[in-house]
Structures are given as structure tokens and as C-alpha cells.
Amino acid sequence: MKKFTLSVLATLVASSMFAANPFIETWFANTGWAQETESNLTYDEETQVATLAIAVDKNAQWQAQVKYQGPVAKADKFYDLTIKMKANHAVNGITVKYQDNAEMTIKSDISLSAGEELVYQVKDVEGVDGGNGIMVFDFGYSKAGDTILIYGIEFKEKEERTEPVDPNPYEAWFGDANWSPETDSKLEYDEATQKATVTIAHDKDGQWKAQVKYKGPKCKADKFYDLSLKMKANKAVPGITLKYQDNAQMVYEDQAIALQENVEFAYSKTDMQGMTGNGILVLDFGHATAGTVIEIYEVLIVEKDNVEGIEDVKAGVKAQKVIENGQLIILKNGIRYNVAGQEVH
């Protein structure tokens, strides 16, 4: 059994890896998208703190862009990213994207509270080749007079994932009755409890209208996987969909899961044969009603080399599952069978 132990190859820190000022570019616009040059970014080489001073109101994503030169990623590695930010006023709708031309991770709903430090962390991001290493910050909903500090930027490159699943969902999408995005519903994550909370603001009337995505391990066809998670809601939620993986589904619970009001639900699926895919776990609450609050926690995916001691119900004998030449073979009483139950010679 393998639980993706950490193997750190390098810690890539701004102070030692890059030029004195790693912030390479800025671009600012007013609410009408005309470029403005009054806002500015300064960088203190001694403290390694960037100070962004907003001089003109913004009202949309990408109207206050700051670019940072980070490490160029590799497709066979994984990355942890840490960023610290602080502002004199509350700032909502902040976006962080890495990399700029070959996106590895993006989050567009980061919020700063006035005077409070925010530590933003992303773990186990799968690397991609062909990227430029540029990280883009956007403060497109900031206002004139906002001053934002950016500091403590650190990258860690690793051979494998630290955890089988990043407990912080990396993406959520909510749709209205016409399939237009709605932004009143929200996804929040508590680092201390490692619980994700989905709050539904408007009634949903169909599958895929309240999606939450997790990044799990990139699966391999010659391995087996166990998946488990827990959920609880303040109201009954019918028709929940669970899909893993997103692009090469290994399990698909099509609107088949239901939560009872204030009752913990534990989901478990064991001994799944791997399929090469992106490792993304998707949960959908497309039949939830307004006012529903759903907690998701203890999400775990475990990789195993094989499965032993599986009880064969029909034959009443123990069976062993193994991979031979990329195919699943079931051994029972010395006889080899394929997944269709046909004897293999």
C-alpha cells in the first residue's frame, strides 16, 4: 500500500532562485478597461516585500495584474506553493494563477480582511511541461486607496504528492436555471479542520449546477485504489453525483447519493482498478435547495499494488486480484479469470 510519501528534491525560494526583484510586470486598468498608470508596485529587496498601491477603482478580474517569475515546472514533478498577503482594506475576488501560459493552478475567489495576514497555500500541484513559470496575481476588485503587501512566496518541488488528496478543493462552479454562473453560492475551506463547506444560495434544478473539484493522485492502470469521504448537510440533499476520475472515470455515482438532514454520510469504494487519468474527483450537488450548507471532509484516496483476500460471493472462495501485462486477472483456486469471469489460459 502506498500513501504518497514526501520526497523533496528542492525548495525554491524567491530570495535564492531569482533576480533581486522577481516581480517582472504590472498592468492596470480603470473600470472602463482603459489602461491607467497611477497605480504602482514597489519592491523592497531587503525585506523581499512587494507593495501594491491602488490609485484608481477596479471592478473586474484582470484590471490589476501583477506578474512574478517563479520556477519553470516539470511534468514529472509536484509543487507546493505558499504566498502571504496583507492589505489595509478588505479586498475580494483576488486571483492567483500559476503558470501563465500552461496553467497548473488557478484560484479566483481569494479574500483579504483589513489588516489581517492571509497565508495562501496550494499543495501537490501536478507539474506540466512547456510553462514559463510566471505566476499572475490579480486584484481586479480593489479600490483606490488600497495598499496590498505580497511576500513570503515559496515553491517546493517534489517527486510525489505529500498527501493522497489535497483536502482543499481547488475549484467550484455554481449555475443558475439558465446555466449562467451564479456567484452567491460559495465554497469555503477551513485549514484547521480540513473541512470544505458548500453554501447553496439559490435552488438548483439539475445535475452539474453545483460542482466541487478535488485533486487526487494521478492514477496508473497497473494499480488499485480505495476512495473514501464523508459529508453532512443541514438539509436533505438528493441526487448527488460523485465522479473519479474526471477525464477517465473509474467510478461514477450518477445522481445516486443522498444526504439526510444532519446525518453524517460515509462513502467508500475499494479495490478500483486504476485507469490513466487526471486524478480529479468531482462532487455535484445540483439538486440542493437554497439555504443548504454541506460539509465535506476526510477525503482519502489510497494507491495499492494489488488486492488480496477478496471474497468471491458466487464461488464462496477467496480470490486474489493481480495485474498481468496491464490486464486485471482474478486468481481463484489456481484458475485465472478475466473481469468478465472467463477463464484465461
Protein backbone atom coordinates (compact mmCIF):
# COMPACT_ATOMS: atom_id res chain seq x y z
CA MET A 1 0.00 0.00 0.00
CA LYS A 2 1.36 3.39 -0.99
CA LYS A 3 0.36 6.68 0.59
CA PHE A 4 2.49 9.08 -1.49
CA THR A 5 5.29 9.85 0.95
CA LEU A 6 7.03 13.18 0.57
CA SER A 7 10.33 13.33 -1.27
CA VAL A 8 11.53 16.92 -1.50
CA LEU A 9 14.05 17.49 -4.26
CA ALA A 10 14.37 21.22 -3.89
CA THR A 11 12.94 24.18 -2.07
CA LEU A 12 12.69 27.04 -4.49
CA VAL A 13 12.60 30.31 -2.60
CA ALA A 14 12.44 33.70 -4.27
CA SER A 15 15.44 35.12 -2.43
CA SER A 16 17.82 32.43 -3.68
CA MET A 17 16.43 31.43 -7.06
CA PHE A 18 15.65 34.58 -8.95
CA ALA A 19 16.69 38.14 -9.64
CA ALA A 20 16.65 40.76 -6.89
CA ASN A 21 13.14 41.78 -7.92
CA PRO A 22 11.16 38.75 -9.12
CA PHE A 23 8.08 40.87 -9.94
CA ILE A 24 8.54 41.34 -13.66
CA GLU A 25 5.44 43.11 -14.94
CA THR A 26 2.29 45.03 -13.95
CA TRP A 27 -0.78 46.18 -15.83
CA PHE A 28 -3.63 48.30 -14.51
CA ALA A 29 -6.95 49.43 -15.98
CA ASN A 30 -9.84 51.60 -14.83
CA THR A 31 -13.43 50.36 -14.67
CA GLY A 32 -13.80 51.08 -18.39
CA TRP A 33 -10.75 48.92 -19.25
CA ALA A 34 -8.63 51.90 -20.28
CA GLN A 35 -5.05 51.40 -19.12
CA GLU A 36 -4.07 53.51 -16.11
CA THR A 37 -0.55 54.20 -14.80
CA GLU A 38 -1.22 55.82 -11.41
CA SER A 39 -1.37 52.52 -9.55
CA ASN A 40 2.08 51.06 -8.95
CA LEU A 41 4.10 48.22 -7.44
CA THR A 42 7.33 48.68 -5.49
CA TYR A 43 9.68 46.01 -4.15
CA ASP A 44 11.98 46.10 -1.13
CA GLU A 45 14.99 43.86 -1.81
CA GLU A 46 15.99 43.71 1.86
CA THR A 47 12.62 42.59 3.23
CA GLN A 48 11.51 40.92 -0.04
CA VAL A 49 8.10 42.55 0.31
CA ALA A 50 6.18 43.90 -2.70
CA THR A 51 3.81 46.81 -2.06
CA LEU A 52 0.93 47.35 -4.44
CA ALA A 53 -0.70 50.79 -4.23
CA ILE A 54 -4.06 51.07 -6.00
CA ALA A 55 -4.82 54.61 -7.15
CA VAL A 56 -7.90 54.00 -9.32
CA ASP A 57 -11.02 51.92 -8.60
CA LYS A 58 -11.30 48.49 -10.24
CA ASN A 59 -14.44 46.45 -10.86
CA ALA A 60 -13.47 43.31 -12.79
CA GLN A 61 -10.99 40.47 -12.91
CA TRP A 62 -7.67 41.24 -14.64
CA GLN A 63 -7.84 45.01 -14.07
CA ALA A 64 -4.88 44.96 -11.64
CA GLN A 65 -2.36 42.34 -12.78
CA VAL A 66 1.00 41.65 -11.18
CA LYS A 67 3.37 39.03 -12.63
CA TYR A 68 6.02 37.14 -10.67
CA GLN A 69 8.77 34.99 -12.16
CA GLY A 70 8.63 31.61 -10.47
CA PRO A 71 10.35 28.32 -11.33
CA VAL A 72 9.64 26.59 -14.63
CA ALA A 73 7.78 23.41 -13.73
CA LYS A 74 8.36 19.85 -14.96
CA ALA A 75 5.62 17.39 -15.86
CA ASP A 76 7.07 14.60 -13.72
CA LYS A 77 7.18 16.66 -10.51
CA PHE A 78 4.72 18.05 -7.97
CA TYR A 79 4.74 21.51 -6.39
CA ASP A 80 3.69 23.22 -3.17
CA LEU A 81 3.08 26.96 -3.28
CA THR A 82 2.89 29.37 -0.34
CA ILE A 83 2.08 33.11 -0.56
CA LYS A 84 1.43 35.69 2.15
CA MET A 85 -0.64 38.83 1.62
CA LYS A 86 -1.94 41.66 3.75
CA ALA A 87 -3.98 44.77 2.96
CA ASN A 88 -5.07 47.94 4.71
CA HIS A 89 -8.67 47.43 3.49
CA ALA A 90 -10.72 44.36 2.66
CA VAL A 91 -10.08 43.13 -0.88
CA ASN A 92 -12.22 40.43 -2.50
CA GLY A 93 -12.04 38.42 -5.71
CA ILE A 94 -8.26 38.09 -5.83
CA THR A 95 -6.92 35.68 -8.45
CA VAL A 96 -3.67 33.68 -8.29
CA LYS A 97 -2.65 31.67 -11.37
CA TYR A 98 0.48 29.55 -11.94
CA GLN A 99 1.77 29.15 -14.65
CA ASP A 100 0.67 31.91 -17.03
CA ASN A 101 1.00 30.06 -20.36
CA ALA A 102 0.49 26.45 -19.20
CA GLU A 103 -1.88 26.75 -16.27
CA MET A 104 -1.16 24.46 -13.32
CA THR A 105 -3.44 26.03 -10.73
CA ILE A 106 -5.79 28.98 -10.54
CA LYS A 107 -7.98 30.31 -7.74
CA SER A 108 -10.18 33.34 -8.30
CA ASP A 109 -12.06 33.88 -5.03
CA ILE A 110 -9.35 34.80 -2.53
CA SER A 111 -10.32 37.48 0.00
CA LEU A 112 -8.25 39.66 2.32
CA SER A 113 -9.63 41.11 5.54
CA ALA A 114 -8.43 44.57 6.55
CA GLY A 115 -5.15 44.41 8.46
CA GLU A 116 -5.03 40.59 8.64
CA GLU A 117 -2.33 38.41 7.12
CA LEU A 118 -3.55 35.75 4.71
CA VAL A 119 -1.44 32.66 4.09
CA TYR A 120 -2.47 31.11 0.79
CA GLN A 121 -1.23 27.56 0.19
CA VAL A 122 -1.65 25.07 -2.63
CA LYS A 123 -0.19 21.59 -2.25
CA ASP A 124 0.62 18.77 -4.63
CA VAL A 125 0.08 20.70 -7.85
CA GLU A 126 0.97 18.43 -10.76
CA GLY A 127 3.65 19.93 -12.98
CA VAL A 128 3.27 20.48 -16.72
CA ASP A 129 5.93 20.89 -19.37
CA GLY A 130 6.19 23.93 -21.62
CA GLY A 131 5.35 26.51 -18.96
CA ASN A 132 7.06 29.83 -18.38
CA GLY A 133 7.00 29.70 -14.55
CA ILE A 134 5.17 33.02 -14.35
CA MET A 135 2.66 33.46 -11.53
CA VAL A 136 -0.08 36.03 -12.07
CA PHE A 137 -1.77 37.91 -9.25
CA ASP A 138 -4.88 39.92 -9.98
CA PHE A 139 -6.56 42.45 -7.68
CA GLY A 140 -9.28 43.46 -10.13
CA TYR A 141 -11.85 44.28 -7.43
CA SER A 142 -9.61 46.58 -5.38
CA LYS A 143 -10.41 50.24 -4.83
CA ALA A 144 -8.48 53.49 -4.81
CA GLY A 145 -6.52 53.77 -1.56
CA ASP A 146 -5.97 50.02 -1.16
CA THR A 147 -2.42 49.02 -0.26
CA ILE A 148 -1.59 45.33 -0.58
CA LEU A 149 1.60 43.63 0.62
CA ILE A 150 2.79 40.44 -1.12
CA TYR A 151 5.59 38.43 0.50
CA GLY A 152 6.76 35.03 1.74
CA ILE A 153 6.47 33.42 -1.70
CA GLU A 154 7.88 29.90 -1.69
CA PHE A 155 7.81 26.95 -4.06
CA LYS A 156 8.67 23.34 -3.19
CA GLU A 157 9.37 20.78 -5.90
CA LYS A 158 8.70 17.13 -5.05
CA GLU A 159 8.89 13.68 -6.59
CA GLU A 160 5.47 12.65 -5.26
CA ARG A 161 2.41 14.03 -3.57
CA THR A 162 2.61 14.76 0.14
CA GLU A 163 -0.99 13.65 0.67
CA PRO A 164 -3.19 11.25 -1.30
CA VAL A 165 -5.69 14.10 -1.81
CA ASP A 166 -5.37 17.82 -1.29
CA PRO A 167 -8.17 18.36 1.27
CA ASN A 168 -8.73 21.88 -0.05
CA PRO A 169 -10.95 21.72 -3.17
CA TYR A 170 -9.28 23.65 -5.96
CA GLU A 171 -12.41 24.68 -7.87
CA ALA A 172 -16.15 25.20 -7.54
CA TRP A 173 -18.76 26.22 -10.09
CA PHE A 174 -22.40 27.12 -9.50
CA GLY A 175 -25.02 27.63 -12.20
CA ASP A 176 -28.48 29.19 -12.30
CA ALA A 177 -31.59 27.88 -14.04
CA ASN A 178 -30.23 29.08 -17.40
CA TRP A 179 -26.74 27.62 -16.84
CA SER A 180 -25.23 31.04 -16.30
CA PRO A 181 -22.66 31.18 -13.48
CA GLU A 182 -24.06 32.37 -10.15
CA THR A 183 -21.70 33.77 -7.53
CA ASP A 184 -23.89 33.93 -4.41
CA SER A 185 -23.30 30.26 -3.63
CA LYS A 186 -19.81 29.67 -2.31
CA LEU A 187 -17.14 27.18 -1.34
CA GLU A 188 -15.06 27.77 1.79
CA TYR A 189 -12.25 25.77 3.36
CA ASP A 190 -11.05 25.63 6.97
CA GLU A 191 -7.34 24.78 7.21
CA ALA A 192 -7.63 23.88 10.91
CA THR A 193 -10.37 21.28 10.49
CA GLN A 194 -9.63 20.43 6.85
CA LYS A 195 -13.33 20.70 6.11
CA ALA A 196 -14.77 22.18 2.93
CA THR A 197 -18.14 23.91 3.27
CA VAL A 198 -20.51 24.45 0.35
CA THR A 199 -23.24 27.04 0.90
CA ILE A 200 -26.08 27.00 -1.63
CA ALA A 201 -27.68 30.41 -2.04
CA HIS A 202 -30.24 29.58 -4.74
CA ASP A 203 -32.26 26.48 -5.59
CA LYS A 204 -30.55 24.12 -8.04
CA ASP A 205 -32.61 22.23 -10.57
CA GLY A 206 -30.21 19.93 -12.36
CA GLN A 207 -27.05 17.87 -12.36
CA TRP A 208 -23.73 19.78 -12.62
CA LYS A 209 -25.14 23.07 -11.29
CA ALA A 210 -23.13 22.92 -8.03
CA GLN A 211 -19.75 21.35 -8.75
CA VAL A 212 -16.81 20.94 -6.37
CA LYS A 213 -13.48 19.50 -7.57
CA TYR A 214 -10.58 17.93 -5.69
CA LYS A 215 -7.15 16.96 -6.98
CA GLY A 216 -6.28 13.39 -6.12
CA PRO A 217 -3.36 11.22 -7.24
CA LYS A 218 -2.76 10.81 -10.94
CA CYS A 219 -3.80 7.19 -11.34
CA LYS A 220 -1.94 4.38 -13.04
CA ALA A 221 -3.53 1.48 -14.93
CA ASP A 222 -1.45 -1.13 -13.10
CA LYS A 223 -2.52 -0.06 -9.59
CA PHE A 224 -5.63 -0.34 -7.43
CA TYR A 225 -7.32 2.46 -5.48
CA ASP A 226 -9.54 2.96 -2.44
CA LEU A 227 -11.67 6.10 -2.21
CA SER A 228 -13.49 7.35 0.89
CA LEU A 229 -15.01 10.61 2.10
CA LYS A 230 -17.61 11.96 4.49
CA MET A 231 -20.38 14.53 4.04
CA LYS A 232 -23.01 16.15 6.22
CA ALA A 233 -25.67 18.76 5.47
CA ASN A 234 -28.16 20.86 7.42
CA LYS A 235 -30.90 19.91 4.95
CA ALA A 236 -31.65 16.80 2.93
CA VAL A 237 -29.80 16.73 -0.42
CA PRO A 238 -30.92 14.25 -3.10
CA GLY A 239 -29.26 13.30 -6.36
CA ILE A 240 -25.60 13.92 -5.50
CA THR A 241 -23.14 12.85 -8.18
CA LEU A 242 -19.62 11.58 -7.49
CA LYS A 243 -17.15 11.01 -10.31
CA TYR A 244 -13.50 9.90 -10.17
CA GLN A 245 -11.55 10.50 -12.38
CA ASP A 246 -12.96 13.42 -14.35
CA ASN A 247 -11.43 12.55 -17.73
CA ALA A 248 -11.24 8.74 -17.44
CA GLN A 249 -13.88 7.84 -14.92
CA MET A 250 -13.04 4.98 -12.57
CA VAL A 251 -16.24 5.38 -10.58
CA TYR A 252 -19.40 7.30 -11.49
CA GLU A 253 -22.23 7.61 -8.99
CA ASP A 254 -24.76 9.28 -11.31
CA GLN A 255 -27.12 11.30 -9.06
CA ALA A 256 -27.10 8.24 -6.80
CA ILE A 257 -26.08 9.64 -3.40
CA ALA A 258 -28.48 11.29 -0.94
CA LEU A 259 -27.81 13.10 2.32
CA GLN A 260 -30.30 13.14 5.16
CA GLU A 261 -30.69 16.24 7.29
CA ASN A 262 -27.87 16.47 9.88
CA VAL A 263 -26.81 12.85 9.37
CA GLU A 264 -23.19 12.05 8.51
CA PHE A 265 -22.80 10.11 5.29
CA ALA A 266 -19.67 7.98 4.76
CA TYR A 267 -18.84 6.94 1.19
CA SER A 268 -16.35 4.19 0.44
CA LYS A 269 -15.28 2.46 -2.75
CA THR A 270 -12.45 -0.06 -2.57
CA ASP A 271 -10.24 -2.05 -4.93
CA MET A 272 -10.86 0.08 -8.01
CA GLN A 273 -8.57 -0.82 -10.88
CA GLY A 274 -6.63 2.24 -11.98
CA MET A 275 -7.06 3.99 -15.30
CA THR A 276 -4.63 6.56 -16.64
CA GLY A 277 -6.24 9.92 -15.97
CA ASN A 278 -6.06 13.29 -14.25
CA GLY A 279 -6.95 12.19 -10.71
CA ILE A 280 -9.72 14.77 -10.34
CA LEU A 281 -12.60 13.96 -8.00
CA VAL A 282 -15.87 15.75 -8.81
CA LEU A 283 -18.83 16.14 -6.46
CA ASP A 284 -22.04 17.71 -7.69
CA PHE A 285 -24.93 18.99 -5.57
CA GLY A 286 -27.13 20.03 -8.48
CA HIS A 287 -30.38 19.21 -6.66
CA ALA A 288 -29.67 21.14 -3.45
CA THR A 289 -32.01 23.91 -2.33
CA ALA A 290 -31.34 27.44 -1.13
CA GLY A 291 -30.01 27.57 2.41
CA THR A 292 -28.31 24.18 2.24
CA VAL A 293 -24.89 24.01 3.89
CA ILE A 294 -22.81 20.90 3.09
CA GLU A 295 -19.60 19.88 4.83
CA ILE A 296 -17.10 17.62 3.01
CA TYR A 297 -14.21 16.10 4.92
CA GLU A 298 -11.85 13.13 5.40
CA VAL A 299 -11.37 12.75 1.66
CA LEU A 300 -8.86 9.95 1.11
CA ILE A 301 -7.55 8.08 -1.92
CA VAL A 302 -5.06 5.26 -1.34
CA GLU A 303 -2.98 3.55 -4.05
CA LYS A 304 -2.25 -0.18 -3.76
CA ASP A 305 -0.15 -2.57 -5.80
CA ASN A 306 -2.70 -5.38 -5.67
CA VAL A 307 -5.71 -6.68 -3.79
CA GLU A 308 -5.58 -9.82 -1.69
CA GLY A 309 -8.21 -11.79 0.20
CA ILE A 310 -11.24 -10.60 -1.76
CA GLU A 311 -14.30 -12.75 -1.01
CA ASP A 312 -15.87 -14.17 -4.13
CA VAL A 313 -19.58 -14.36 -3.29
CA LYS A 314 -20.59 -16.74 -6.06
CA ALA A 315 -17.85 -19.33 -5.55
CA GLY A 316 -17.55 -18.84 -1.81
CA VAL A 317 -13.75 -18.87 -2.08
CA LYS A 318 -11.00 -16.36 -1.58
CA ALA A 319 -9.79 -14.58 -4.71
CA GLN A 320 -6.70 -12.55 -5.49
CA LYS A 321 -6.60 -9.69 -8.00
CA VAL A 322 -3.35 -9.05 -9.81
CA ILE A 323 -2.15 -7.16 -12.88
CA GLU A 324 -0.57 -9.18 -15.67
CA ASN A 325 0.63 -7.37 -18.78
CA GLY A 326 -1.58 -4.44 -17.94
CA GLN A 327 -4.73 -6.57 -17.52
CA LEU A 328 -6.67 -7.38 -14.35
CA ILE A 329 -6.54 -11.12 -13.60
CA ILE A 330 -8.53 -12.80 -10.80
CA LEU A 331 -6.96 -15.91 -9.29
CA LYS A 332 -9.33 -18.42 -7.66
CA ASN A 333 -8.30 -21.93 -6.64
CA GLY A 334 -5.35 -21.72 -9.01
CA ILE A 335 -7.52 -20.77 -12.01
CA ARG A 336 -7.07 -17.42 -13.80
CA TYR A 337 -10.13 -15.39 -14.85
CA ASN A 338 -10.60 -12.04 -16.58
CA VAL A 339 -13.00 -9.38 -15.28
CA ALA A 340 -15.85 -10.90 -17.32
CA GLY A 341 -15.43 -14.19 -15.43
CA GLN A 342 -13.94 -16.04 -18.40
CA GLU A 343 -11.11 -18.46 -17.80
CA VAL A 344 -7.76 -17.20 -19.10
CA HIS A 345 -5.10 -19.68 -20.27
